[in-house]
C-alpha atoms as a PDB file:
ATOM      1  CA  MET A   1      45.552  31.690 -66.473  1.00  0.00           C
ATOM      2  CA  ARG A   2      47.707  29.086 -64.743  1.00  0.00           C
ATOM      3  CA  GLN A   3      47.259  28.704 -60.999  1.00  0.00           C
ATOM      4  CA  LYS A   4      50.378  29.594 -59.028  1.00  0.00           C
ATOM      5  CA  LYS A   5      52.115  26.548 -57.527  1.00  0.00           C
ATOM      6  CA  ASN A   6      52.157  26.415 -53.724  1.00  0.00           C
ATOM      7  CA  VAL A   7      55.631  26.600 -52.226  1.00  0.00           C
ATOM      8  CA  THR A   8      56.425  23.464 -50.201  1.00  0.00           C
ATOM      9  CA  PHE A   9      58.940  22.632 -47.474  1.00  0.00           C
ATOM     10  CA  ASP A  10      60.870  20.735 -50.160  1.00  0.00           C
ATOM     11  CA  ASP A  11      61.116  23.913 -52.259  1.00  0.00           C
ATOM     12  CA  ILE A  12      62.376  25.899 -49.263  1.00  0.00           C
ATOM     13  CA  ALA A  13      64.909  23.184 -48.408  1.00  0.00           C
ATOM     14  CA  LYS A  14      66.318  23.188 -51.963  1.00  0.00           C
ATOM     15  CA  TYR A  15      66.472  27.000 -52.013  1.00  0.00           C
ATOM     16  CA  THR A  16      68.336  27.259 -48.707  1.00  0.00           C
ATOM     17  CA  GLY A  17      70.374  24.066 -48.817  1.00  0.00           C
ATOM     18  CA  PHE A  18      68.907  22.945 -45.509  1.00  0.00           C
ATOM     19  CA  SER A  19      67.123  19.647 -44.895  1.00  0.00           C
ATOM     20  CA  LYS A  20      63.323  19.434 -44.744  1.00  0.00           C
ATOM     21  CA  THR A  21      63.703  18.546 -41.066  1.00  0.00           C
ATOM     22  CA  THR A  22      65.469  21.869 -40.432  1.00  0.00           C
ATOM     23  CA  ILE A  23      62.723  23.753 -42.273  1.00  0.00           C
ATOM     24  CA  SER A  24      60.103  21.962 -40.172  1.00  0.00           C
ATOM     25  CA  ARG A  25      61.991  22.928 -36.992  1.00  0.00           C
ATOM     26  CA  TYR A  26      61.887  26.580 -38.111  1.00  0.00           C
ATOM     27  CA  PHE A  27      58.089  26.485 -38.034  1.00  0.00           C
ATOM     28  CA  ASN A  28      57.553  24.253 -35.014  1.00  0.00           C
ATOM     29  CA  ASN A  29      60.556  24.898 -32.777  1.00  0.00           C
ATOM     30  CA  PRO A  30      62.466  27.946 -34.072  1.00  0.00           C
ATOM     31  CA  ASP A  31      64.515  28.322 -30.874  1.00  0.00           C
ATOM     32  CA  SER A  32      66.304  25.086 -31.770  1.00  0.00           C
ATOM     33  CA  LEU A  33      67.960  26.898 -34.715  1.00  0.00           C
ATOM     34  CA  THR A  34      70.629  29.565 -34.632  1.00  0.00           C
ATOM     35  CA  LEU A  35      69.531  33.122 -35.313  1.00  0.00           C
ATOM     36  CA  GLU A  36      71.623  33.092 -38.491  1.00  0.00           C
ATOM     37  CA  ASN A  37      69.793  30.046 -39.846  1.00  0.00           C
ATOM     38  CA  GLN A  38      66.421  31.492 -38.836  1.00  0.00           C
ATOM     39  CA  GLU A  39      67.244  34.644 -40.829  1.00  0.00           C
ATOM     40  CA  ILE A  40      68.294  32.589 -43.879  1.00  0.00           C
ATOM     41  CA  ILE A  41      65.006  30.655 -43.861  1.00  0.00           C
ATOM     42  CA  SER A  42      62.974  33.798 -43.197  1.00  0.00           C
ATOM     43  CA  LYS A  43      64.552  35.489 -46.238  1.00  0.00           C
ATOM     44  CA  ALA A  44      63.843  32.400 -48.341  1.00  0.00           C
ATOM     45  CA  LEU A  45      60.161  32.506 -47.382  1.00  0.00           C
ATOM     46  CA  SER A  46      60.006  36.094 -48.570  1.00  0.00           C
ATOM     47  CA  ASP A  47      61.918  35.391 -51.789  1.00  0.00           C
ATOM     48  CA  LEU A  48      59.702  32.412 -52.626  1.00  0.00           C
ATOM     49  CA  ASP A  49      56.476  34.240 -51.618  1.00  0.00           C
ATOM     50  CA  TYR A  50      55.631  31.369 -49.276  1.00  0.00           C
ATOM     51  CA  LYS A  51      52.020  31.174 -48.041  1.00  0.00           C
ATOM     52  CA  GLU A  52      51.619  28.988 -44.973  1.00  0.00           C
ATOM     53  CA  ASN A  53      49.149  26.111 -45.204  1.00  0.00           C
ATOM     54  CA  LYS A  54      47.493  26.438 -41.802  1.00  0.00           C
ATOM     55  CA  VAL A  55      45.567  23.171 -42.110  1.00  0.00           C
ATOM     56  CA  ALA A  56      48.723  21.223 -42.919  1.00  0.00           C
ATOM     57  CA  ARG A  57      50.499  22.782 -39.978  1.00  0.00           C
ATOM     58  CA  ILE A  58      47.690  21.830 -37.596  1.00  0.00           C
ATOM     59  CA  LEU A  59      47.786  18.256 -38.882  1.00  0.00           C
ATOM     60  CA  ALA A  60      51.572  18.187 -38.485  1.00  0.00           C
ATOM     61  CA  ASN A  61      51.935  19.496 -34.944  1.00  0.00           C
ATOM     62  CA  GLY A  62      48.436  19.343 -33.462  1.00  0.00           C
ATOM     63  CA  LYS A  63      48.520  23.045 -32.519  1.00  0.00           C
ATOM     64  CA  THR A  64      45.422  24.877 -33.722  1.00  0.00           C
ATOM     65  CA  GLU A  65      46.208  28.354 -32.329  1.00  0.00           C
ATOM     66  CA  PHE A  66      42.588  28.469 -31.157  1.00  0.00           C
ATOM     67  CA  ILE A  67      41.363  29.586 -27.733  1.00  0.00           C
ATOM     68  CA  GLY A  68      37.847  28.759 -26.550  1.00  0.00           C
ATOM     69  CA  ILE A  69      35.652  31.302 -24.772  1.00  0.00           C
ATOM     70  CA  ILE A  70      32.457  30.691 -22.833  1.00  0.00           C
ATOM     71  CA  ILE A  71      30.596  33.855 -21.930  1.00  0.00           C
ATOM     72  CA  PRO A  72      27.304  34.055 -19.987  1.00  0.00           C
ATOM     73  CA  ASN A  73      25.408  36.385 -22.320  1.00  0.00           C
ATOM     74  CA  LEU A  74      25.734  39.464 -24.506  1.00  0.00           C
ATOM     75  CA  MET A  75      22.805  41.326 -22.945  1.00  0.00           C
ATOM     76  CA  ASN A  76      25.085  42.628 -20.209  1.00  0.00           C
ATOM     77  CA  HIS A  77      27.264  45.287 -21.845  1.00  0.00           C
ATOM     78  CA  TYR A  78      30.205  44.279 -19.641  1.00  0.00           C
ATOM     79  CA  TYR A  79      30.358  40.856 -21.281  1.00  0.00           C
ATOM     80  CA  SER A  80      30.018  42.181 -24.810  1.00  0.00           C
ATOM     81  CA  GLU A  81      32.778  44.727 -24.243  1.00  0.00           C
ATOM     82  CA  MET A  82      35.001  42.123 -22.567  1.00  0.00           C
ATOM     83  CA  LEU A  83      34.542  39.815 -25.565  1.00  0.00           C
ATOM     84  CA  ASN A  84      35.367  42.703 -27.895  1.00  0.00           C
ATOM     85  CA  GLN A  85      38.584  43.445 -26.007  1.00  0.00           C
ATOM     86  CA  ILE A  86      39.622  39.779 -25.897  1.00  0.00           C
ATOM     87  CA  LEU A  87      39.154  39.436 -29.663  1.00  0.00           C
ATOM     88  CA  LEU A  88      41.341  42.510 -30.205  1.00  0.00           C
ATOM     89  CA  THR A  89      44.318  40.698 -28.653  1.00  0.00           C
ATOM     90  CA  TYR A  90      44.710  38.676 -31.871  1.00  0.00           C
ATOM     91  CA  GLU A  91      46.987  41.404 -33.229  1.00  0.00           C
ATOM     92  CA  GLN A  92      49.399  40.900 -30.320  1.00  0.00           C
ATOM     93  CA  PHE A  93      49.241  37.179 -29.608  1.00  0.00           C
ATOM     94  CA  GLY A  94      48.060  35.632 -32.896  1.00  0.00           C
ATOM     95  CA  TYR A  95      45.462  33.336 -31.334  1.00  0.00           C
ATOM     96  CA  LYS A  96      41.989  32.938 -32.815  1.00  0.00           C
ATOM     97  CA  PHE A  97      38.852  32.414 -30.747  1.00  0.00           C
ATOM     98  CA  LEU A  98      35.867  30.071 -30.737  1.00  0.00           C
ATOM     99  CA  VAL A  99      33.038  31.599 -28.708  1.00  0.00           C
ATOM    100  CA  PHE A 100      29.983  30.041 -27.066  1.00  0.00           C
ATOM    101  CA  ILE A 101      27.272  31.851 -25.091  1.00  0.00           C
ATOM    102  CA  GLY A 102      26.211  29.790 -22.076  1.00  0.00           C
ATOM    103  CA  ASN A 103      23.058  31.620 -20.900  1.00  0.00           C
ATOM    104  CA  GLU A 104      23.596  30.042 -17.460  1.00  0.00           C
ATOM    105  CA  HIS A 105      22.700  26.543 -18.735  1.00  0.00           C
ATOM    106  CA  GLU A 106      25.108  24.183 -17.001  1.00  0.00           C
ATOM    107  CA  ALA A 107      24.433  21.173 -19.250  1.00  0.00           C
ATOM    108  CA  SER A 108      24.825  23.279 -22.386  1.00  0.00           C
ATOM    109  CA  GLU A 109      28.119  24.717 -21.171  1.00  0.00           C
ATOM    110  CA  ARG A 110      29.518  21.261 -20.481  1.00  0.00           C
ATOM    111  CA  GLN A 111      28.542  20.299 -24.025  1.00  0.00           C
ATOM    112  CA  TYR A 112      30.222  23.440 -25.393  1.00  0.00           C
ATOM    113  CA  ILE A 113      33.449  22.625 -23.555  1.00  0.00           C
ATOM    114  CA  GLN A 114      33.475  19.123 -25.008  1.00  0.00           C
ATOM    115  CA  GLU A 115      32.916  20.535 -28.481  1.00  0.00           C
ATOM    116  CA  LEU A 116      35.722  23.046 -28.011  1.00  0.00           C
ATOM    117  CA  LEU A 117      38.050  20.280 -26.856  1.00  0.00           C
ATOM    118  CA  ALA A 118      37.118  18.290 -29.963  1.00  0.00           C
ATOM    119  CA  TYR A 119      38.453  21.218 -32.009  1.00  0.00           C
ATOM    120  CA  HIS A 120      41.768  20.855 -30.129  1.00  0.00           C
ATOM    121  CA  ILE A 121      41.729  24.317 -28.642  1.00  0.00           C
ATOM    122  CA  GLU A 122      44.950  25.134 -26.822  1.00  0.00           C
ATOM    123  CA  GLY A 123      43.371  27.061 -23.936  1.00  0.00           C
ATOM    124  CA  LEU A 124      40.097  28.236 -22.473  1.00  0.00           C
ATOM    125  CA  ILE A 125      38.809  31.562 -21.121  1.00  0.00           C
ATOM    126  CA  ILE A 126      35.697  31.277 -18.952  1.00  0.00           C
ATOM    127  CA  LEU A 127      33.487  34.166 -17.854  1.00  0.00           C
ATOM    128  CA  SER A 128      30.458  31.995 -17.157  1.00  0.00           C
ATOM    129  CA  PHE A 129      30.005  30.773 -13.580  1.00  0.00           C
ATOM    130  CA  THR A 130      27.958  27.569 -13.794  1.00  0.00           C
ATOM    131  CA  ILE A 131      30.767  24.976 -13.821  1.00  0.00           C
ATOM    132  CA  PRO A 132      32.997  24.645 -10.707  1.00  0.00           C
ATOM    133  CA  SER A 133      36.663  25.564 -11.104  1.00  0.00           C
ATOM    134  CA  ARG A 134      37.769  22.104  -9.939  1.00  0.00           C
ATOM    135  CA  GLU A 135      35.979  20.594 -12.941  1.00  0.00           C
ATOM    136  CA  LEU A 136      37.526  23.197 -15.254  1.00  0.00           C
ATOM    137  CA  ALA A 137      40.977  22.387 -13.862  1.00  0.00           C
ATOM    138  CA  ASP A 138      40.461  18.754 -14.927  1.00  0.00           C
ATOM    139  CA  SER A 139      39.762  19.677 -18.560  1.00  0.00           C
ATOM    140  CA  GLY A 140      43.339  18.896 -19.574  1.00  0.00           C
ATOM    141  CA  ILE A 141      44.179  22.327 -21.036  1.00  0.00           C
ATOM    142  CA  PRO A 142      45.166  25.700 -19.518  1.00  0.00           C
ATOM    143  CA  VAL A 143      42.185  27.681 -18.211  1.00  0.00           C
ATOM    144  CA  VAL A 144      41.915  31.327 -17.175  1.00  0.00           C
ATOM    145  CA  THR A 145      38.694  32.693 -15.699  1.00  0.00           C
ATOM    146  CA  ILE A 146      37.387  36.237 -15.323  1.00  0.00           C
ATOM    147  CA  GLU A 147      35.099  37.335 -12.472  1.00  0.00           C
ATOM    148  CA  ARG A 148      33.944  33.905 -11.294  1.00  0.00           C
ATOM    149  CA  GLU A 149      34.843  31.287  -8.677  1.00  0.00           C
ATOM    150  CA  ASP A 150      38.503  30.462  -9.296  1.00  0.00           C
ATOM    151  CA  GLN A 151      39.926  28.332  -6.471  1.00  0.00           C
ATOM    152  CA  TYR A 152      41.486  25.706  -8.759  1.00  0.00           C
ATOM    153  CA  VAL A 153      42.240  27.698 -11.916  1.00  0.00           C
ATOM    154  CA  CYS A 154      44.126  30.863 -12.844  1.00  0.00           C
ATOM    155  CA  SER A 155      42.141  34.083 -13.051  1.00  0.00           C
ATOM    156  CA  VAL A 156      42.131  37.806 -13.702  1.00  0.00           C
ATOM    157  CA  ASN A 157      39.641  39.855 -11.684  1.00  0.00           C
ATOM    158  CA  THR A 158      38.863  43.403 -10.665  1.00  0.00           C
ATOM    159  CA  ASP A 159      39.486  44.410  -7.066  1.00  0.00           C
ATOM    160  CA  ASN A 160      35.746  44.280  -6.442  1.00  0.00           C
ATOM    161  CA  TYR A 161      36.035  45.188  -2.771  1.00  0.00           C
ATOM    162  CA  MET A 162      37.878  48.397  -3.609  1.00  0.00           C
ATOM    163  CA  GLY A 163      35.256  49.153  -6.256  1.00  0.00           C
ATOM    164  CA  GLY A 164      32.460  48.698  -3.719  1.00  0.00           C
ATOM    165  CA  VAL A 165      34.261  51.039  -1.333  1.00  0.00           C
ATOM    166  CA  GLN A 166      34.759  53.635  -4.078  1.00  0.00           C
ATOM    167  CA  ALA A 167      31.113  53.600  -5.167  1.00  0.00           C
ATOM    168  CA  THR A 168      29.716  53.748  -1.647  1.00  0.00           C
ATOM    169  CA  SER A 169      32.152  56.433  -0.508  1.00  0.00           C
ATOM    170  CA  LEU A 170      31.139  58.642  -3.441  1.00  0.00           C
ATOM    171  CA  LEU A 171      27.450  58.337  -2.570  1.00  0.00           C
ATOM    172  CA  ALA A 172      28.256  58.990   1.099  1.00  0.00           C
ATOM    173  CA  THR A 173      29.679  62.430   0.238  1.00  0.00           C
ATOM    174  CA  HIS A 174      26.234  63.548  -0.959  1.00  0.00           C
ATOM    175  CA  ASN A 175      24.508  63.266   2.433  1.00  0.00           C
ATOM    176  CA  CYS A 176      21.889  60.803   1.256  1.00  0.00           C
ATOM    177  CA  ASP A 177      19.118  59.771   3.649  1.00  0.00           C
ATOM    178  CA  ILE A 178      19.667  56.153   2.644  1.00  0.00           C
ATOM    179  CA  LEU A 179      22.168  54.204   0.543  1.00  0.00           C
ATOM    180  CA  ILE A 180      20.839  51.224  -1.403  1.00  0.00           C
ATOM    181  CA  HIS A 181      22.820  48.506  -3.162  1.00  0.00           C
ATOM    182  CA  ILE A 182      20.975  46.506  -5.851  1.00  0.00           C
ATOM    183  CA  ASN A 183      22.552  43.171  -6.797  1.00  0.00           C
ATOM    184  CA  SER A 184      21.841  39.575  -7.754  1.00  0.00           C
ATOM    185  CA  PRO A 185      22.189  36.951  -5.004  1.00  0.00           C
ATOM    186  CA  THR A 186      25.967  36.417  -4.952  1.00  0.00           C
ATOM    187  CA  PRO A 187      27.880  33.649  -3.105  1.00  0.00           C
ATOM    188  CA  PRO A 188      30.993  34.808  -1.184  1.00  0.00           C
ATOM    189  CA  GLU A 189      33.310  32.747  -3.411  1.00  0.00           C
ATOM    190  CA  ILE A 190      32.359  34.825  -6.469  1.00  0.00           C
ATOM    191  CA  PRO A 191      34.788  37.794  -6.873  1.00  0.00           C
ATOM    192  CA  SER A 192      31.954  40.305  -7.385  1.00  0.00           C
ATOM    193  CA  TYR A 193      30.777  39.565  -3.821  1.00  0.00           C
ATOM    194  CA  GLY A 194      33.493  42.053  -2.892  1.00  0.00           C
ATOM    195  CA  ARG A 195      31.187  44.850  -4.109  1.00  0.00           C
ATOM    196  CA  ILE A 196      28.681  43.847  -1.449  1.00  0.00           C
ATOM    197  CA  ARG A 197      31.335  43.674   1.286  1.00  0.00           C
ATOM    198  CA  GLY A 198      32.736  47.062   0.279  1.00  0.00           C
ATOM    199  CA  PHE A 199      29.264  48.603   0.431  1.00  0.00           C
ATOM    200  CA  LEU A 200      28.518  47.121   3.851  1.00  0.00           C
ATOM    201  CA  ASP A 201      31.884  48.022   5.357  1.00  0.00           C
ATOM    202  CA  ILE A 202      31.662  51.699   4.376  1.00  0.00           C
ATOM    203  CA  CYS A 203      28.042  51.995   5.510  1.00  0.00           C
ATOM    204  CA  GLU A 204      28.843  50.428   8.873  1.00  0.00           C
ATOM    205  CA  GLU A 205      32.080  52.380   9.318  1.00  0.00           C
ATOM    206  CA  LYS A 206      30.315  55.694   8.643  1.00  0.00           C
ATOM    207  CA  HIS A 207      27.080  54.663  10.436  1.00  0.00           C
ATOM    208  CA  LEU A 208      25.026  55.250   7.287  1.00  0.00           C
ATOM    209  CA  ASN A 209      21.414  54.196   6.861  1.00  0.00           C
ATOM    210  CA  HIS A 210      21.598  51.473   4.225  1.00  0.00           C
ATOM    211  CA  ARG A 211      19.910  48.535   2.597  1.00  0.00           C
ATOM    212  CA  ILE A 212      20.780  45.748   0.133  1.00  0.00           C
ATOM    213  CA  ILE A 213      18.154  44.567  -2.350  1.00  0.00           C
ATOM    214  CA  TYR A 214      18.808  41.151  -3.917  1.00  0.00           C
ATOM    215  CA  LYS A 215      16.964  40.165  -7.073  1.00  0.00           C
ATOM    216  CA  VAL A 216      17.312  37.500  -9.763  1.00  0.00           C
ATOM    217  CA  PHE A 217      17.050  39.704 -12.853  1.00  0.00           C
ATOM    218  CA  GLY A 218      17.195  37.287 -15.802  1.00  0.00           C
ATOM    219  CA  ASN A 219      19.027  37.615 -19.130  1.00  0.00           C
ATOM    220  CA  THR A 220      16.513  39.490 -21.290  1.00  0.00           C
ATOM    221  CA  TYR A 221      15.755  43.190 -21.396  1.00  0.00           C
ATOM    222  CA  GLU A 222      12.089  42.540 -20.633  1.00  0.00           C
ATOM    223  CA  LEU A 223      12.856  40.592 -17.446  1.00  0.00           C
ATOM    224  CA  ILE A 224      15.495  43.057 -16.272  1.00  0.00           C
ATOM    225  CA  GLU A 225      13.150  46.017 -16.813  1.00  0.00           C
ATOM    226  CA  LYS A 226      10.266  44.238 -15.051  1.00  0.00           C
ATOM    227  CA  ASN A 227      12.359  43.429 -11.984  1.00  0.00           C
ATOM    228  CA  LEU A 228      13.906  46.878 -11.750  1.00  0.00           C
ATOM    229  CA  ARG A 229      10.482  48.490 -12.157  1.00  0.00           C
ATOM    230  CA  GLU A 230       9.270  46.479  -9.157  1.00  0.00           C
ATOM    231  CA  ILE A 231      12.264  47.689  -7.139  1.00  0.00           C
ATOM    232  CA  LEU A 232      11.681  51.302  -8.176  1.00  0.00           C
ATOM    233  CA  GLU A 233       8.005  51.156  -7.247  1.00  0.00           C
ATOM    234  CA  GLU A 234       8.904  49.805  -3.809  1.00  0.00           C
ATOM    235  CA  LEU A 235      11.557  52.507  -3.282  1.00  0.00           C
ATOM    236  CA  GLU A 236       9.095  55.234  -4.257  1.00  0.00           C
ATOM    237  CA  ILE A 237       6.737  54.046  -1.525  1.00  0.00           C
ATOM    238  CA  SER A 238       9.290  53.271   1.197  1.00  0.00           C
ATOM    239  CA  TYR A 239      11.541  56.326   0.774  1.00  0.00           C
ATOM    240  CA  SER A 240       9.267  59.016  -0.636  1.00  0.00           C
ATOM    241  CA  GLY A 241      10.826  62.448  -0.217  1.00  0.00           C
ATOM    242  CA  GLN A 242      14.162  61.016   0.932  1.00  0.00           C
ATOM    243  CA  LYS A 243      17.456  61.444  -0.882  1.00  0.00           C
ATOM    244  CA  LYS A 244      18.461  58.021  -2.202  1.00  0.00           C
ATOM    245  CA  GLY A 245      21.975  56.961  -3.215  1.00  0.00           C
ATOM    246  CA  ILE A 246      21.647  53.910  -5.479  1.00  0.00           C
ATOM    247  CA  PHE A 247      24.658  51.662  -6.116  1.00  0.00           C
ATOM    248  CA  ILE A 248      23.739  49.148  -8.833  1.00  0.00           C
ATOM    249  CA  SER A 249      25.962  46.133  -9.482  1.00  0.00           C
ATOM    250  CA  ASN A 250      26.497  46.729 -13.212  1.00  0.00           C
ATOM    251  CA  ASP A 251      26.078  49.463 -15.807  1.00  0.00           C
ATOM    252  CA  THR A 252      23.467  47.599 -17.870  1.00  0.00           C
ATOM    253  CA  HIS A 253      21.064  47.473 -14.921  1.00  0.00           C
ATOM    254  CA  ALA A 254      21.984  51.026 -13.901  1.00  0.00           C
ATOM    255  CA  ASN A 255      21.004  52.256 -17.365  1.00  0.00           C
ATOM    256  CA  VAL A 256      17.652  50.430 -17.277  1.00  0.00           C
ATOM    257  CA  PHE A 257      16.949  51.877 -13.819  1.00  0.00           C
ATOM    258  CA  LEU A 258      17.868  55.367 -15.064  1.00  0.00           C
ATOM    259  CA  ASN A 259      15.563  54.980 -18.078  1.00  0.00           C
ATOM    260  CA  LEU A 260      12.663  53.984 -15.809  1.00  0.00           C
ATOM    261  CA  LEU A 261      13.145  57.178 -13.809  1.00  0.00           C
ATOM    262  CA  ILE A 262      13.375  59.293 -16.965  1.00  0.00           C
ATOM    263  CA  LYS A 263      10.191  57.702 -18.356  1.00  0.00           C
ATOM    264  CA  LYS A 264       8.377  58.552 -15.128  1.00  0.00           C
ATOM    265  CA  TYR A 265       9.765  62.039 -14.425  1.00  0.00           C
ATOM    266  CA  GLY A 266      11.219  63.237 -17.735  1.00  0.00           C
ATOM    267  CA  THR A 267      14.650  63.519 -16.094  1.00  0.00           C
ATOM    268  CA  LEU A 268      16.657  62.144 -13.183  1.00  0.00           C
ATOM    269  CA  PRO A 269      14.954  63.476 -10.031  1.00  0.00           C
ATOM    270  CA  ASP A 270      17.035  65.396  -7.497  1.00  0.00           C
ATOM    271  CA  ASP A 271      16.352  62.795  -4.795  1.00  0.00           C
ATOM    272  CA  TYR A 272      18.120  60.024  -6.758  1.00  0.00           C
ATOM    273  CA  LEU A 273      21.830  59.544  -7.261  1.00  0.00           C
ATOM    274  CA  ILE A 274      22.995  56.524  -9.273  1.00  0.00           C
ATOM    275  CA  ILE A 275      26.330  54.788  -9.685  1.00  0.00           C
ATOM    276  CA  GLY A 276      26.937  51.589 -11.648  1.00  0.00           C
ATOM    277  CA  PHE A 277      29.882  49.248 -12.021  1.00  0.00           C
ATOM    278  CA  ASP A 278      32.025  48.227 -15.051  1.00  0.00           C
ATOM    279  CA  ASP A 279      32.483  51.349 -17.224  1.00  0.00           C
ATOM    280  CA  SER A 280      31.032  49.438 -20.135  1.00  0.00           C
ATOM    281  CA  PRO A 281      30.139  51.676 -23.133  1.00  0.00           C
ATOM    282  CA  ILE A 282      26.488  52.038 -22.057  1.00  0.00           C
ATOM    283  CA  SER A 283      27.524  54.045 -18.978  1.00  0.00           C
ATOM    284  CA  ARG A 284      28.955  56.901 -21.044  1.00  0.00           C
ATOM    285  CA  GLU A 285      26.424  56.563 -23.884  1.00  0.00           C
ATOM    286  CA  ALA A 286      23.343  56.772 -21.625  1.00  0.00           C
ATOM    287  CA  VAL A 287      20.916  59.677 -22.043  1.00  0.00           C
ATOM    288  CA  ILE A 288      22.362  60.973 -18.779  1.00  0.00           C
ATOM    289  CA  PRO A 289      25.953  59.637 -18.510  1.00  0.00           C
ATOM    290  CA  ILE A 290      26.190  57.280 -15.547  1.00  0.00           C
ATOM    291  CA  SER A 291      28.811  57.444 -12.806  1.00  0.00           C
ATOM    292  CA  THR A 292      30.519  54.079 -12.475  1.00  0.00           C
ATOM    293  CA  VAL A 293      33.408  52.072 -11.121  1.00  0.00           C
ATOM    294  CA  GLY A 294      35.636  51.374 -14.108  1.00  0.00           C
ATOM    295  CA  GLN A 295      36.894  47.811 -14.341  1.00  0.00           C
ATOM    296  CA  GLN A 296      39.597  48.627 -16.936  1.00  0.00           C
ATOM    297  CA  ILE A 297      38.031  46.008 -19.193  1.00  0.00           C
ATOM    298  CA  ASN A 298      40.737  46.336 -21.855  1.00  0.00           C
ATOM    299  CA  LYS A 299      43.451  45.630 -19.270  1.00  0.00           C
ATOM    300  CA  ILE A 300      41.602  42.630 -17.806  1.00  0.00           C
ATOM    301  CA  ALA A 301      41.137  41.155 -21.294  1.00  0.00           C
ATOM    302  CA  TYR A 302      44.802  41.654 -22.179  1.00  0.00           C
ATOM    303  CA  GLU A 303      46.044  40.185 -18.893  1.00  0.00           C
ATOM    304  CA  ALA A 304      43.735  37.172 -19.235  1.00  0.00           C
ATOM    305  CA  VAL A 305      44.959  36.322 -22.736  1.00  0.00           C
ATOM    306  CA  SER A 306      48.589  37.075 -21.805  1.00  0.00           C
ATOM    307  CA  LEU A 307      48.390  34.771 -18.783  1.00  0.00           C
ATOM    308  CA  LEU A 308      46.753  32.026 -20.852  1.00  0.00           C
ATOM    309  CA  VAL A 309      49.456  32.308 -23.529  1.00  0.00           C
ATOM    310  CA  GLU A 310      52.123  31.918 -20.828  1.00  0.00           C
ATOM    311  CA  LEU A 311      50.423  28.759 -19.586  1.00  0.00           C
ATOM    312  CA  MET A 312      50.049  27.368 -23.115  1.00  0.00           C
ATOM    313  CA  ASN A 313      53.669  28.116 -24.000  1.00  0.00           C
ATOM    314  CA  GLU A 314      54.854  26.333 -20.854  1.00  0.00           C
ATOM    315  CA  ARG A 315      52.943  23.206 -21.882  1.00  0.00           C
ATOM    316  CA  LYS A 316      54.746  23.208 -25.253  1.00  0.00           C
ATOM    317  CA  LYS A 317      58.168  22.851 -23.644  1.00  0.00           C
ATOM    318  CA  ARG A 318      59.889  19.473 -23.550  1.00  0.00           C
ATOM    319  CA  LYS A 319      59.818  19.514 -19.765  1.00  0.00           C
ATOM    320  CA  PRO A 320      56.954  21.808 -18.713  1.00  0.00           C
ATOM    321  CA  VAL A 321      56.923  22.936 -15.108  1.00  0.00           C
ATOM    322  CA  PRO A 322      53.423  22.617 -13.604  1.00  0.00           C
ATOM    323  CA  LEU A 323      52.100  25.469 -11.482  1.00  0.00           C
ATOM    324  CA  LYS A 324      52.350  24.883  -7.748  1.00  0.00           C
ATOM    325  CA  GLU A 325      49.135  26.857  -7.320  1.00  0.00           C
ATOM    326  CA  PRO A 326      46.844  28.948  -9.560  1.00  0.00           C
ATOM    327  CA  ILE A 327      47.841  32.504 -10.452  1.00  0.00           C
ATOM    328  CA  HIS A 328      45.273  35.165  -9.521  1.00  0.00           C
ATOM    329  CA  LYS A 329      45.803  38.653 -10.954  1.00  0.00           C
ATOM    330  CA  ILE A 330      43.869  41.587  -9.514  1.00  0.00           C
ATOM    331  CA  ILE A 331      43.274  44.785 -11.519  1.00  0.00           C
ATOM    332  CA  THR A 332      42.629  48.056  -9.694  1.00  0.00           C
ATOM    333  CA  PRO A 333      39.292  49.754 -10.529  1.00  0.00           C
ATOM    334  CA  ILE A 334      38.959  53.466 -11.294  1.00  0.00           C
ATOM    335  CA  LEU A 335      36.097  55.619  -9.991  1.00  0.00           C
ATOM    336  CA  ILE A 336      34.474  57.612 -12.818  1.00  0.00           C
ATOM    337  CA  ARG A 337      32.211  60.503 -11.853  1.00  0.00           C
ATOM    338  CA  ARG A 338      29.496  61.447 -14.334  1.00  0.00           C
ATOM    339  CA  ASP A 339      26.144  63.253 -14.346  1.00  0.00           C
ATOM    340  CA  THR A 340      24.128  60.797 -12.237  1.00  0.00           C
ATOM    341  CA  THR A 341      26.086  61.787  -9.110  1.00  0.00           C
ATOM    342  CA  GLU A 342      27.692  65.109 -10.044  1.00  0.00           C
ATOM    343  CA  ARG A 343      24.778  67.571 -10.181  1.00  0.00           C
END
């Protein structure tokens, strides 16, 4: 059986009567052609059953249609769901993704960025927080970050302060003896620090007994469970018999904390209320569905890719207009009440 001959630009030019240069402009700069001529070439591609040679196109114009992603880890369900939602944007925007997991190793992440640049990616989405935004801004390509320090680059973030207020206000309605926020040590320039400020502001405004527990949890289940078990043991001693409202900084940790309580008591005791943050799938799939502050992960992912595509398209213009300052988009969180607070 004879192999079907690939249709070339020369074939399309002969079929339409246009020059090869005009056919090339259709693929690389279609706006330079009239709509009528675009329609003629489009029909010819269909008639000739043209299959685009992606490699040849990359070699011709240097545009790979690839976006790089660096994500901290996949242990945290927020990151895995965010990656899932970003990948789903291919249907809308047509960009493919090269993904690296940083695991908080600064040297490794710098190496990953250099490797991504060697593949001629057109843009970069960063969720990891090890490399300063000023350094990212000097990478030479458009960068959009999510939930990390973003002074010198564009970003899409949740309104973390509002989320902290929502979570704390919900716990406050249950007349707890003490409200406790469990979080990793977080610098003020990181967007998620807003969760801490929201917690403190509501507790102080309402004169609520409160406490913040900071802990470096690690990136493995074993380390996270060990550290949360230590916190639980300390709470059991310090607040025995008291009603405790626990606001945990993400749903992954909230689920581990819930499982520790269930292992000890067979259920969630009446003197514990728990709310997480993210609305990642684990919050609704937990043995006891976990109340949470929903980050609208699908919307954040879409807005991040959409913003990056805008920046990349601007760079492709003959006279691109540089941004006067980075664009920072803020997405409103949604409070989601489930069984760990509504009993």
